[in-house]
Amino acid sequence: MRAFLSAATLIAAAITATSSALAADNFVSGNWRGGAVFDGSKFVQCNMWAPYINNWDLMFAMTQSGDFRLGLRNQKLDMTWSQLFGQKLGVRMQIDDNPVIVKAFTATSATVASTSIAKLGWDKALRAGKVLRVHTGSRVRRFPLAGIDPALSQLSACAAKHRSA
């Protein structure tokens, strides 16, 4: 349930980034946008997202509990039934030529799926990587990682600041 709440918050925050609670802690780093997410006055997570030319958005979040999450959004995606029935979606991912990882993504809305990547050690691999490849079922989507290092640094700083507050 906690993972589902975190994933849902990741998406809700990305969509509602104009909320007043986010205004003070928004950041921009290249193509990346991010900020802190609160439930009332309680810190939930810091997240960031970037739109790509392939019409997909790549999202990352660091939660209050320390989870590191990856999310994918596409407006043409329809995961309504997966969300309603709690079905997982198996997704194959790879950074550069590193080993392929298969993770179970959870539909958090009709157009968004997310998963925890906390135990993969990807915080360092993403910073050093050139491209993230994600097999979305119909084809492999490419997400160039240029400029992600400073954005992840801001995401980490945001999470550290609010976890200690």
N, C-alpha and C. Protein backbone atom coordinates (compact mmCIF):
# COMPACT_ATOMS: atom_id res chain seq x y z
N MET A 1 0.83 -1.19 0.00
CA MET A 1 0.00 0.00 0.00
C MET A 1 0.87 1.25 0.00
N ARG A 2 1.97 1.21 0.79
CA ARG A 2 2.86 2.36 0.86
C ARG A 2 3.50 2.63 -0.51
N ALA A 3 3.88 1.55 -1.22
CA ALA A 3 4.46 1.72 -2.56
C ALA A 3 3.44 2.33 -3.51
N PHE A 4 2.19 1.89 -3.39
CA PHE A 4 1.14 2.43 -4.25
C PHE A 4 0.92 3.91 -3.96
N LEU A 5 0.91 4.27 -2.67
CA LEU A 5 0.75 5.67 -2.29
C LEU A 5 1.91 6.51 -2.82
N SER A 6 3.12 5.99 -2.70
CA SER A 6 4.29 6.72 -3.22
C SER A 6 4.20 6.91 -4.72
N ALA A 7 3.81 5.86 -5.42
CA ALA A 7 3.71 5.95 -6.88
C ALA A 7 2.60 6.92 -7.28
N ALA A 8 1.49 6.85 -6.59
CA ALA A 8 0.38 7.75 -6.91
C ALA A 8 0.77 9.20 -6.64
N THR A 9 1.50 9.41 -5.56
CA THR A 9 1.94 10.76 -5.23
C THR A 9 2.93 11.28 -6.27
N LEU A 10 3.80 10.39 -6.76
CA LEU A 10 4.75 10.77 -7.81
C LEU A 10 4.02 11.34 -9.00
N ILE A 11 2.98 10.69 -9.40
CA ILE A 11 2.23 11.12 -10.58
C ILE A 11 1.42 12.37 -10.28
N ALA A 12 0.74 12.38 -9.17
CA ALA A 12 -0.08 13.53 -8.83
C ALA A 12 0.77 14.79 -8.72
N ALA A 13 1.95 14.65 -8.15
CA ALA A 13 2.83 15.81 -8.01
C ALA A 13 3.34 16.29 -9.35
N ALA A 14 3.64 15.36 -10.23
CA ALA A 14 4.11 15.76 -11.56
C ALA A 14 3.04 16.52 -12.32
N ILE A 15 1.81 16.12 -12.11
CA ILE A 15 0.70 16.77 -12.82
C ILE A 15 0.33 18.09 -12.18
N THR A 16 0.44 18.17 -10.86
CA THR A 16 0.00 19.37 -10.15
C THR A 16 1.18 20.18 -9.62
N ALA A 17 2.20 20.32 -10.40
CA ALA A 17 3.42 20.99 -9.95
C ALA A 17 3.22 22.47 -9.65
N THR A 18 2.08 23.00 -9.95
CA THR A 18 1.85 24.41 -9.68
C THR A 18 1.28 24.66 -8.29
N SER A 19 1.10 23.63 -7.51
CA SER A 19 0.53 23.82 -6.18
C SER A 19 1.43 24.69 -5.32
N SER A 20 0.84 25.42 -4.39
CA SER A 20 1.60 26.35 -3.57
C SER A 20 2.61 25.64 -2.69
N ALA A 21 2.33 24.41 -2.27
CA ALA A 21 3.27 23.69 -1.42
C ALA A 21 4.57 23.41 -2.16
N LEU A 22 4.52 23.31 -3.48
CA LEU A 22 5.72 23.02 -4.25
C LEU A 22 6.49 24.27 -4.61
N ALA A 23 5.86 25.41 -4.58
CA ALA A 23 6.44 26.63 -5.13
C ALA A 23 7.82 26.95 -4.55
N ALA A 24 8.01 26.78 -3.27
CA ALA A 24 9.28 27.16 -2.65
C ALA A 24 10.41 26.21 -3.00
N ASP A 25 10.12 24.97 -3.33
CA ASP A 25 11.17 23.99 -3.55
C ASP A 25 11.22 23.44 -4.97
N ASN A 26 10.62 24.13 -5.91
CA ASN A 26 10.74 23.70 -7.30
C ASN A 26 12.16 23.88 -7.78
N PHE A 27 12.60 23.02 -8.69
CA PHE A 27 13.90 23.20 -9.32
C PHE A 27 13.81 22.86 -10.79
N VAL A 28 14.71 23.43 -11.54
CA VAL A 28 14.83 23.17 -12.98
C VAL A 28 16.29 22.86 -13.24
N SER A 29 16.54 21.79 -13.97
CA SER A 29 17.90 21.43 -14.33
C SER A 29 17.86 20.88 -15.75
N GLY A 30 18.24 21.71 -16.70
CA GLY A 30 18.14 21.30 -18.11
C GLY A 30 16.68 21.05 -18.47
N ASN A 31 16.40 19.86 -18.96
CA ASN A 31 15.04 19.48 -19.34
C ASN A 31 14.23 18.97 -18.15
N TRP A 32 14.86 18.84 -17.01
CA TRP A 32 14.22 18.26 -15.82
C TRP A 32 13.54 19.33 -14.99
N ARG A 33 12.37 19.00 -14.46
CA ARG A 33 11.62 19.84 -13.53
C ARG A 33 11.36 18.99 -12.29
N GLY A 34 11.35 19.62 -11.13
CA GLY A 34 11.10 18.83 -9.93
C GLY A 34 10.74 19.69 -8.75
N GLY A 35 10.50 19.02 -7.63
CA GLY A 35 10.18 19.73 -6.41
C GLY A 35 9.70 18.79 -5.31
N ALA A 36 9.45 19.39 -4.16
CA ALA A 36 8.97 18.65 -2.99
C ALA A 36 7.45 18.50 -3.06
N VAL A 37 6.97 17.39 -2.52
CA VAL A 37 5.53 17.10 -2.47
C VAL A 37 5.14 16.91 -1.01
N PHE A 38 4.06 17.57 -0.62
CA PHE A 38 3.58 17.49 0.75
C PHE A 38 2.14 17.03 0.77
N ASP A 39 1.77 16.33 1.84
CA ASP A 39 0.38 16.00 2.12
C ASP A 39 0.02 16.87 3.31
N GLY A 40 -0.61 18.01 3.04
CA GLY A 40 -0.80 19.01 4.09
C GLY A 40 0.55 19.60 4.42
N SER A 41 1.02 19.40 5.65
CA SER A 41 2.34 19.89 6.03
C SER A 41 3.36 18.75 6.13
N LYS A 42 2.93 17.52 5.85
CA LYS A 42 3.80 16.35 5.96
C LYS A 42 4.52 16.10 4.64
N PHE A 43 5.85 16.00 4.69
CA PHE A 43 6.65 15.71 3.50
C PHE A 43 6.38 14.29 3.03
N VAL A 44 6.13 14.13 1.73
CA VAL A 44 5.88 12.83 1.13
C VAL A 44 7.08 12.39 0.30
N GLN A 45 7.53 13.26 -0.61
CA GLN A 45 8.65 12.92 -1.48
C GLN A 45 9.10 14.13 -2.26
N CYS A 46 10.26 14.00 -2.88
CA CYS A 46 10.71 14.95 -3.90
C CYS A 46 10.71 14.19 -5.21
N ASN A 47 10.29 14.85 -6.26
CA ASN A 47 10.25 14.16 -7.55
C ASN A 47 10.77 15.06 -8.65
N MET A 48 11.06 14.45 -9.80
CA MET A 48 11.48 15.19 -10.98
C MET A 48 11.01 14.43 -12.21
N TRP A 49 10.83 15.16 -13.30
CA TRP A 49 10.36 14.55 -14.54
C TRP A 49 10.88 15.35 -15.72
N ALA A 50 10.94 14.66 -16.87
CA ALA A 50 11.36 15.32 -18.11
C ALA A 50 10.57 14.73 -19.26
N PRO A 51 10.08 15.57 -20.16
CA PRO A 51 9.41 15.08 -21.36
C PRO A 51 10.45 14.72 -22.42
N TYR A 52 10.18 13.68 -23.18
CA TYR A 52 11.09 13.25 -24.25
C TYR A 52 10.39 13.34 -25.60
N ILE A 53 11.18 13.42 -26.66
CA ILE A 53 10.68 13.57 -28.02
C ILE A 53 9.80 12.38 -28.44
N ASN A 54 9.96 11.24 -27.79
CA ASN A 54 9.17 10.05 -28.11
C ASN A 54 7.77 10.08 -27.47
N ASN A 55 7.38 11.23 -26.92
CA ASN A 55 6.08 11.44 -26.27
C ASN A 55 5.92 10.70 -24.95
N TRP A 56 7.01 10.29 -24.36
CA TRP A 56 7.00 9.68 -23.04
C TRP A 56 7.66 10.65 -22.06
N ASP A 57 7.22 10.63 -20.81
CA ASP A 57 7.86 11.39 -19.74
C ASP A 57 8.56 10.38 -18.83
N LEU A 58 9.78 10.69 -18.45
CA LEU A 58 10.54 9.88 -17.51
C LEU A 58 10.52 10.60 -16.18
N MET A 59 10.22 9.88 -15.09
CA MET A 59 10.07 10.49 -13.78
C MET A 59 10.87 9.73 -12.73
N PHE A 60 11.38 10.45 -11.75
CA PHE A 60 12.07 9.85 -10.61
C PHE A 60 11.55 10.50 -9.34
N ALA A 61 11.55 9.73 -8.24
CA ALA A 61 11.13 10.26 -6.95
C ALA A 61 11.97 9.65 -5.84
N MET A 62 12.23 10.44 -4.80
CA MET A 62 12.85 9.97 -3.56
C MET A 62 11.84 10.26 -2.46
N THR A 63 11.40 9.21 -1.80
CA THR A 63 10.32 9.34 -0.83
C THR A 63 10.83 9.60 0.58
N GLN A 64 9.90 9.93 1.45
CA GLN A 64 10.19 10.16 2.86
C GLN A 64 10.85 8.92 3.47
N SER A 65 10.40 7.73 3.06
CA SER A 65 10.92 6.48 3.62
C SER A 65 12.24 6.05 3.01
N GLY A 66 12.73 6.79 2.00
CA GLY A 66 14.01 6.45 1.40
C GLY A 66 13.92 5.69 0.09
N ASP A 67 12.72 5.42 -0.39
CA ASP A 67 12.57 4.70 -1.65
C ASP A 67 12.98 5.60 -2.82
N PHE A 68 13.57 5.00 -3.83
CA PHE A 68 13.95 5.69 -5.07
C PHE A 68 13.10 5.04 -6.17
N ARG A 69 12.24 5.84 -6.82
CA ARG A 69 11.27 5.30 -7.77
C ARG A 69 11.48 5.85 -9.17
N LEU A 70 11.14 5.03 -10.16
CA LEU A 70 11.17 5.43 -11.56
C LEU A 70 9.75 5.32 -12.09
N GLY A 71 9.31 6.33 -12.84
CA GLY A 71 7.97 6.31 -13.42
C GLY A 71 8.02 6.65 -14.90
N LEU A 72 7.04 6.15 -15.63
CA LEU A 72 6.88 6.42 -17.06
C LEU A 72 5.47 6.90 -17.30
N ARG A 73 5.34 7.93 -18.14
CA ARG A 73 4.01 8.47 -18.45
C ARG A 73 3.90 8.67 -19.96
N ASN A 74 2.73 8.30 -20.49
CA ASN A 74 2.42 8.54 -21.89
C ASN A 74 0.92 8.77 -22.00
N GLN A 75 0.53 9.86 -22.64
CA GLN A 75 -0.89 10.21 -22.72
C GLN A 75 -1.70 9.23 -23.56
N LYS A 76 -1.05 8.44 -24.42
CA LYS A 76 -1.78 7.47 -25.24
C LYS A 76 -1.88 6.10 -24.56
N LEU A 77 -1.26 5.98 -23.42
CA LEU A 77 -1.30 4.73 -22.67
C LEU A 77 -2.66 4.59 -22.00
N ASP A 78 -3.19 3.37 -21.95
CA ASP A 78 -4.43 3.13 -21.23
C ASP A 78 -4.26 1.93 -20.31
N MET A 79 -3.97 2.21 -19.06
CA MET A 79 -3.77 1.16 -18.07
C MET A 79 -4.88 1.17 -17.02
N THR A 80 -6.05 1.61 -17.44
CA THR A 80 -7.18 1.71 -16.51
C THR A 80 -7.47 0.38 -15.84
N TRP A 81 -7.55 -0.69 -16.61
CA TRP A 81 -7.89 -2.00 -16.04
C TRP A 81 -6.77 -2.52 -15.15
N SER A 82 -5.53 -2.29 -15.54
CA SER A 82 -4.40 -2.70 -14.70
C SER A 82 -4.44 -1.98 -13.36
N GLN A 83 -4.81 -0.71 -13.39
CA GLN A 83 -4.90 0.06 -12.16
C GLN A 83 -6.05 -0.45 -11.29
N LEU A 84 -7.20 -0.66 -11.89
CA LEU A 84 -8.37 -1.11 -11.13
C LEU A 84 -8.16 -2.47 -10.46
N PHE A 85 -7.48 -3.37 -11.17
CA PHE A 85 -7.31 -4.73 -10.64
C PHE A 85 -5.94 -4.96 -10.02
N GLY A 86 -5.13 -3.92 -9.91
CA GLY A 86 -3.83 -4.04 -9.25
C GLY A 86 -2.85 -4.92 -10.00
N GLN A 87 -3.00 -5.03 -11.30
CA GLN A 87 -2.11 -5.87 -12.09
C GLN A 87 -0.76 -5.18 -12.28
N LYS A 88 0.28 -5.98 -12.27
CA LYS A 88 1.63 -5.47 -12.49
C LYS A 88 1.98 -5.62 -13.97
N LEU A 89 2.88 -4.77 -14.42
CA LEU A 89 3.35 -4.78 -15.80
C LEU A 89 4.84 -5.06 -15.78
N GLY A 90 5.27 -6.18 -16.39
CA GLY A 90 6.69 -6.51 -16.46
C GLY A 90 7.38 -5.65 -17.50
N VAL A 91 8.42 -4.94 -17.09
CA VAL A 91 9.12 -4.03 -17.99
C VAL A 91 10.62 -4.36 -17.96
N ARG A 92 11.21 -4.44 -19.14
CA ARG A 92 12.65 -4.68 -19.27
C ARG A 92 13.34 -3.33 -19.45
N MET A 93 14.41 -3.10 -18.66
CA MET A 93 15.13 -1.83 -18.70
C MET A 93 16.64 -2.09 -18.75
N GLN A 94 17.36 -1.14 -19.35
CA GLN A 94 18.81 -1.27 -19.45
C GLN A 94 19.44 0.12 -19.53
N ILE A 95 20.49 0.32 -18.76
CA ILE A 95 21.30 1.53 -18.87
C ILE A 95 22.54 1.17 -19.68
N ASP A 96 22.74 1.86 -20.79
CA ASP A 96 23.87 1.62 -21.69
C ASP A 96 23.95 0.13 -22.02
N ASP A 97 25.12 -0.48 -21.80
CA ASP A 97 25.27 -1.91 -22.08
C ASP A 97 25.29 -2.75 -20.81
N ASN A 98 24.78 -2.19 -19.71
CA ASN A 98 24.69 -2.93 -18.46
C ASN A 98 23.66 -4.04 -18.60
N PRO A 99 23.62 -4.96 -17.64
CA PRO A 99 22.64 -6.06 -17.73
C PRO A 99 21.19 -5.54 -17.79
N VAL A 100 20.37 -6.28 -18.48
CA VAL A 100 18.94 -5.96 -18.57
C VAL A 100 18.29 -6.32 -17.23
N ILE A 101 17.46 -5.42 -16.75
CA ILE A 101 16.73 -5.61 -15.50
C ILE A 101 15.25 -5.72 -15.85
N VAL A 102 14.55 -6.67 -15.22
CA VAL A 102 13.10 -6.79 -15.39
C VAL A 102 12.46 -6.38 -14.07
N LYS A 103 11.58 -5.40 -14.13
CA LYS A 103 10.90 -4.91 -12.93
C LYS A 103 9.40 -4.93 -13.15
N ALA A 104 8.66 -5.13 -12.07
CA ALA A 104 7.20 -5.07 -12.12
C ALA A 104 6.77 -3.63 -11.85
N PHE A 105 6.15 -3.02 -12.83
CA PHE A 105 5.63 -1.66 -12.69
C PHE A 105 4.17 -1.74 -12.25
N THR A 106 3.76 -0.77 -11.46
CA THR A 106 2.38 -0.65 -11.00
C THR A 106 1.72 0.53 -11.70
N ALA A 107 0.54 0.30 -12.24
CA ALA A 107 -0.22 1.40 -12.86
C ALA A 107 -0.74 2.29 -11.74
N THR A 108 -0.37 3.58 -11.78
CA THR A 108 -0.82 4.52 -10.76
C THR A 108 -1.90 5.45 -11.30
N SER A 109 -2.07 5.44 -12.59
CA SER A 109 -3.17 6.14 -13.26
C SER A 109 -3.32 5.48 -14.62
N ALA A 110 -4.24 5.96 -15.41
CA ALA A 110 -4.44 5.37 -16.73
C ALA A 110 -3.24 5.58 -17.64
N THR A 111 -2.42 6.59 -17.36
CA THR A 111 -1.30 6.92 -18.25
C THR A 111 0.07 6.82 -17.59
N VAL A 112 0.15 6.32 -16.36
CA VAL A 112 1.42 6.29 -15.63
C VAL A 112 1.64 4.95 -14.94
N ALA A 113 2.90 4.49 -15.00
CA ALA A 113 3.32 3.30 -14.26
C ALA A 113 4.63 3.61 -13.57
N SER A 114 4.85 3.01 -12.40
CA SER A 114 6.10 3.26 -11.67
C SER A 114 6.55 2.02 -10.92
N THR A 115 7.83 2.04 -10.53
CA THR A 115 8.42 0.94 -9.78
C THR A 115 9.55 1.46 -8.90
N SER A 116 9.89 0.70 -7.88
CA SER A 116 11.03 1.06 -7.03
C SER A 116 12.31 0.58 -7.70
N ILE A 117 13.31 1.46 -7.70
CA ILE A 117 14.63 1.08 -8.21
C ILE A 117 15.68 1.26 -7.12
N ALA A 118 15.24 1.33 -5.88
CA ALA A 118 16.13 1.62 -4.76
C ALA A 118 17.23 0.59 -4.59
N LYS A 119 16.94 -0.67 -4.83
CA LYS A 119 17.93 -1.72 -4.56
C LYS A 119 18.73 -2.12 -5.80
N LEU A 120 18.61 -1.35 -6.87
CA LEU A 120 19.33 -1.68 -8.09
C LEU A 120 20.70 -1.00 -8.19
N GLY A 121 20.96 -0.02 -7.34
CA GLY A 121 22.20 0.74 -7.44
C GLY A 121 22.22 1.68 -8.64
N TRP A 122 21.03 2.01 -9.12
CA TRP A 122 20.93 2.84 -10.32
C TRP A 122 21.18 4.32 -10.06
N ASP A 123 21.23 4.75 -8.80
CA ASP A 123 21.51 6.16 -8.55
C ASP A 123 22.85 6.54 -9.18
N LYS A 124 23.85 5.68 -9.08
CA LYS A 124 25.16 5.96 -9.69
C LYS A 124 25.16 5.64 -11.18
N ALA A 125 24.53 4.55 -11.57
CA ALA A 125 24.51 4.15 -12.98
C ALA A 125 23.79 5.18 -13.84
N LEU A 126 22.72 5.76 -13.34
CA LEU A 126 21.99 6.79 -14.10
C LEU A 126 22.87 8.02 -14.31
N ARG A 127 23.60 8.41 -13.27
CA ARG A 127 24.45 9.60 -13.36
C ARG A 127 25.56 9.43 -14.40
N ALA A 128 26.08 8.22 -14.52
CA ALA A 128 27.18 7.96 -15.45
C ALA A 128 26.70 7.50 -16.82
N GLY A 129 25.42 7.12 -16.90
CA GLY A 129 24.91 6.53 -18.13
C GLY A 129 24.66 7.52 -19.25
N LYS A 130 24.58 6.98 -20.44
CA LYS A 130 24.30 7.79 -21.64
C LYS A 130 22.84 7.64 -22.09
N VAL A 131 22.28 6.42 -21.93
CA VAL A 131 20.90 6.20 -22.38
C VAL A 131 20.24 5.10 -21.53
N LEU A 132 18.99 5.32 -21.21
CA LEU A 132 18.15 4.32 -20.55
C LEU A 132 17.23 3.76 -21.63
N ARG A 133 17.23 2.45 -21.78
CA ARG A 133 16.32 1.80 -22.73
C ARG A 133 15.24 1.08 -21.93
N VAL A 134 14.00 1.28 -22.35
CA VAL A 134 12.86 0.67 -21.67
C VAL A 134 11.98 0.00 -22.71
N HIS A 135 11.75 -1.30 -22.54
CA HIS A 135 10.85 -2.01 -23.46
C HIS A 135 9.44 -1.85 -22.91
N THR A 136 8.61 -1.12 -23.64
CA THR A 136 7.27 -0.78 -23.17
C THR A 136 6.20 -1.75 -23.65
N GLY A 137 6.60 -2.84 -24.26
CA GLY A 137 5.62 -3.81 -24.75
C GLY A 137 5.53 -3.82 -26.25
N SER A 138 5.49 -2.65 -26.84
CA SER A 138 5.39 -2.56 -28.29
C SER A 138 6.75 -2.30 -28.94
N ARG A 139 7.64 -1.65 -28.22
CA ARG A 139 8.97 -1.36 -28.74
C ARG A 139 9.87 -0.86 -27.63
N VAL A 140 11.14 -0.70 -27.95
CA VAL A 140 12.11 -0.20 -26.97
C VAL A 140 12.15 1.32 -27.08
N ARG A 141 11.91 1.99 -25.97
CA ARG A 141 11.96 3.45 -25.91
C ARG A 141 13.34 3.85 -25.40
N ARG A 142 13.90 4.87 -26.00
CA ARG A 142 15.21 5.37 -25.60
C ARG A 142 15.05 6.69 -24.85
N PHE A 143 15.71 6.79 -23.71
CA PHE A 143 15.70 8.01 -22.91
C PHE A 143 17.15 8.46 -22.70
N PRO A 144 17.65 9.41 -23.51
CA PRO A 144 19.01 9.91 -23.30
C PRO A 144 19.13 10.51 -21.90
N LEU A 145 20.26 10.24 -21.26
CA LEU A 145 20.45 10.65 -19.87
C LEU A 145 21.35 11.88 -19.72
N ALA A 146 21.64 12.56 -20.82
CA ALA A 146 22.47 13.78 -20.75
C ALA A 146 21.80 14.77 -19.81
N GLY A 147 22.56 15.30 -18.86
CA GLY A 147 22.05 16.31 -17.94
C GLY A 147 21.33 15.77 -16.72
N ILE A 148 21.28 14.45 -16.58
CA ILE A 148 20.54 13.90 -15.44
C ILE A 148 21.32 14.01 -14.13
N ASP A 149 22.64 14.03 -14.19
CA ASP A 149 23.45 14.07 -12.97
C ASP A 149 23.13 15.28 -12.10
N PRO A 150 23.16 16.52 -12.63
CA PRO A 150 22.83 17.65 -11.76
C PRO A 150 21.37 17.63 -11.30
N ALA A 151 20.48 17.09 -12.12
CA ALA A 151 19.07 17.00 -11.70
C ALA A 151 18.91 16.01 -10.56
N LEU A 152 19.60 14.87 -10.63
CA LEU A 152 19.54 13.90 -9.53
C LEU A 152 20.16 14.46 -8.26
N SER A 153 21.19 15.28 -8.41
CA SER A 153 21.80 15.94 -7.24
C SER A 153 20.79 16.86 -6.57
N GLN A 154 20.03 17.60 -7.37
CA GLN A 154 19.00 18.48 -6.80
C GLN A 154 17.87 17.67 -6.18
N LEU A 155 17.52 16.56 -6.81
CA LEU A 155 16.49 15.68 -6.24
C LEU A 155 16.95 15.13 -4.88
N SER A 156 18.19 14.67 -4.81
CA SER A 156 18.75 14.15 -3.55
C SER A 156 18.78 15.23 -2.48
N ALA A 157 19.22 16.43 -2.86
CA ALA A 157 19.28 17.53 -1.89
C ALA A 157 17.89 17.89 -1.37
N CYS A 158 16.92 17.89 -2.26
CA CYS A 158 15.53 18.17 -1.88
C CYS A 158 15.05 17.15 -0.86
N ALA A 159 15.27 15.86 -1.16
CA ALA A 159 14.82 14.80 -0.26
C ALA A 159 15.54 14.88 1.09
N ALA A 160 16.85 15.10 1.07
CA ALA A 160 17.62 15.19 2.32
C ALA A 160 17.12 16.36 3.18
N LYS A 161 16.88 17.48 2.54
CA LYS A 161 16.41 18.67 3.26
C LYS A 161 15.08 18.39 3.98
N HIS A 162 14.16 17.77 3.29
CA HIS A 162 12.82 17.59 3.86
C HIS A 162 12.72 16.36 4.76
N ARG A 163 13.57 15.37 4.57
CA ARG A 163 13.55 14.22 5.47
C ARG A 163 14.04 14.62 6.85
N SER A 164 14.99 15.57 6.89
CA SER A 164 15.57 15.98 8.18
C SER A 164 14.75 17.08 8.86
N ALA A 165 13.81 17.65 8.15
CA ALA A 165 13.02 18.77 8.72
C ALA A 165 11.97 18.27 9.70
